[in-house]
Amino acid sequence: MASGQTTEQAPPVGLSAKAAARVSALIAQQGNPDLKLRLSVSGGGCSGFQYGFDFDEEQKDDDIVVTRDGVTMLVDGMSILYLMGSEVDFVEDLVGASFQVVNPNASSSCGCGASFAI
């Protein structure tokens, strides 16, 4: 690589523009600009693992930090193992609106999209 050139590495987990806009609106409703979206994976759900979405003010030492359009998403070091290459999207349809994780690592997922299997 020639000097002066930089390459921007893609984050291990993506955040779509629609998801970032929705998170930004939710943070504004909370009235706390220090809030960050925390994405996690835990055991449970109908498929074995489930996604968790929370707001958090604190960034931990092992967190992966993803930013898009002024929004920060945090993923802990254990959860990232199950989320590499995934993208968080915000989907609105006739059934309702929700955050969904498009996860290429999942061998199956439940109908609601909140849990998955590896």
Protein backbone atom coordinates (compact mmCIF):
# COMPACT_ATOMS: atom_id res chain seq x y z
CA MET A 1 0.00 0.00 0.00
CA ALA A 2 1.37 3.42 -0.90
CA SER A 3 2.11 5.76 1.97
CA GLY A 4 -0.70 8.09 2.86
CA GLN A 5 -3.37 5.58 1.84
CA THR A 6 -5.67 4.12 4.44
CA THR A 7 -8.16 1.33 4.19
CA GLU A 8 -11.32 1.42 6.19
CA GLN A 9 -12.12 -1.98 7.61
CA ALA A 10 -15.76 -2.96 7.70
CA PRO A 11 -17.13 -3.42 11.23
CA PRO A 12 -17.78 -7.04 12.31
CA VAL A 13 -21.47 -6.16 12.77
CA GLY A 14 -23.40 -3.65 10.69
CA LEU A 15 -26.15 -1.20 11.54
CA SER A 16 -28.47 -0.24 8.68
CA ALA A 17 -29.39 3.38 8.02
CA LYS A 18 -33.03 2.63 8.96
CA ALA A 19 -31.96 1.04 12.25
CA ALA A 20 -29.65 3.97 13.06
CA ALA A 21 -32.45 6.46 12.36
CA ARG A 22 -34.87 4.56 14.61
CA VAL A 23 -32.32 4.27 17.44
CA SER A 24 -31.59 7.98 17.13
CA ALA A 25 -35.32 8.76 17.46
CA LEU A 26 -35.66 6.48 20.50
CA ILE A 27 -32.64 8.09 22.18
CA ALA A 28 -34.15 11.52 21.55
CA GLN A 29 -37.41 10.35 23.18
CA GLN A 30 -35.43 9.21 26.24
CA GLY A 31 -33.78 12.63 26.48
CA ASN A 32 -30.32 11.16 27.17
CA PRO A 33 -27.79 11.67 24.35
CA ASP A 34 -25.27 9.41 26.17
CA LEU A 35 -27.34 6.29 25.44
CA LYS A 36 -25.94 3.64 23.11
CA LEU A 37 -27.67 0.61 21.62
CA ARG A 38 -26.37 -2.64 23.11
CA LEU A 39 -26.82 -5.81 21.05
CA SER A 40 -26.26 -9.10 22.86
CA VAL A 41 -26.77 -12.82 22.41
CA SER A 42 -27.88 -15.10 25.23
CA GLY A 43 -29.03 -18.68 25.60
CA GLY A 44 -32.76 -19.23 25.35
CA GLY A 45 -35.57 -18.51 22.97
CA CYS A 46 -37.31 -21.12 20.86
CA SER A 47 -34.25 -21.77 18.66
CA GLY A 48 -31.45 -21.94 21.26
CA PHE A 49 -30.04 -18.39 21.28
CA GLN A 50 -31.81 -15.07 21.43
CA TYR A 51 -30.93 -11.50 20.53
CA GLY A 52 -31.18 -8.78 23.12
CA PHE A 53 -31.49 -5.03 22.53
CA ASP A 54 -31.01 -2.53 25.34
CA PHE A 55 -29.83 1.00 25.89
CA ASP A 56 -26.62 1.45 27.83
CA GLU A 57 -24.61 4.50 28.86
CA GLU A 58 -21.41 2.61 29.63
CA GLN A 59 -18.97 1.15 27.17
CA LYS A 60 -17.05 -1.82 28.55
CA ASP A 61 -13.41 -2.62 27.76
CA ASP A 62 -14.25 -5.67 25.61
CA ASP A 63 -17.10 -4.02 23.66
CA ILE A 64 -17.00 -3.85 19.88
CA VAL A 65 -18.11 -0.33 18.93
CA VAL A 66 -20.03 0.31 15.72
CA THR A 67 -21.10 3.82 14.75
CA ARG A 68 -23.44 4.97 12.01
CA ASP A 69 -25.06 8.35 11.44
CA GLY A 70 -24.23 9.52 14.97
CA VAL A 71 -25.54 6.36 16.66
CA THR A 72 -23.28 4.00 18.62
CA MET A 73 -23.98 0.29 18.91
CA LEU A 74 -22.08 -1.84 21.43
CA VAL A 75 -21.56 -5.62 21.21
CA ASP A 76 -19.83 -7.53 24.01
CA GLY A 77 -16.86 -9.79 23.31
CA MET A 78 -18.79 -13.06 23.73
CA SER A 79 -21.80 -12.05 21.63
CA ILE A 80 -19.64 -10.97 18.71
CA LEU A 81 -18.65 -14.63 18.21
CA TYR A 82 -22.25 -15.35 17.13
CA LEU A 83 -22.76 -12.09 15.24
CA MET A 84 -19.78 -11.77 12.88
CA GLY A 85 -21.00 -10.53 9.50
CA SER A 86 -24.51 -9.72 10.77
CA GLU A 87 -26.47 -6.53 10.27
CA VAL A 88 -29.09 -4.96 12.51
CA ASP A 89 -32.02 -3.59 10.52
CA PHE A 90 -35.31 -1.92 11.44
CA VAL A 91 -38.28 -3.41 9.63
CA GLU A 92 -41.82 -2.06 9.43
CA ASP A 93 -44.56 -4.21 7.94
CA LEU A 94 -48.25 -4.98 8.41
CA VAL A 95 -47.54 -7.07 11.52
CA GLY A 96 -45.60 -4.30 13.24
CA ALA A 97 -42.16 -2.75 13.54
CA SER A 98 -39.06 -4.34 15.02
CA PHE A 99 -35.30 -4.52 15.03
CA GLN A 100 -34.10 -7.62 13.23
CA VAL A 101 -30.67 -9.20 12.95
CA VAL A 102 -29.72 -10.55 9.54
CA ASN A 103 -27.26 -13.21 10.68
CA PRO A 104 -25.37 -15.33 8.11
CA ASN A 105 -24.17 -17.62 10.94
CA ALA A 106 -27.67 -18.75 11.92
CA SER A 107 -28.65 -22.17 10.58
CA SER A 108 -32.29 -21.46 11.48
CA SER A 109 -34.36 -18.84 13.25
CA CYS A 110 -37.81 -18.63 14.77
CA GLY A 111 -40.76 -16.98 13.09
CA CYS A 112 -40.46 -13.80 15.12
CA GLY A 113 -36.76 -13.40 14.32
CA ALA A 114 -35.81 -12.95 17.98
CA SER A 115 -34.01 -16.28 18.35
CA PHE A 116 -31.74 -18.44 16.22
CA ALA A 117 -29.70 -21.63 16.08
CA ILE A 118 -26.10 -22.14 14.98
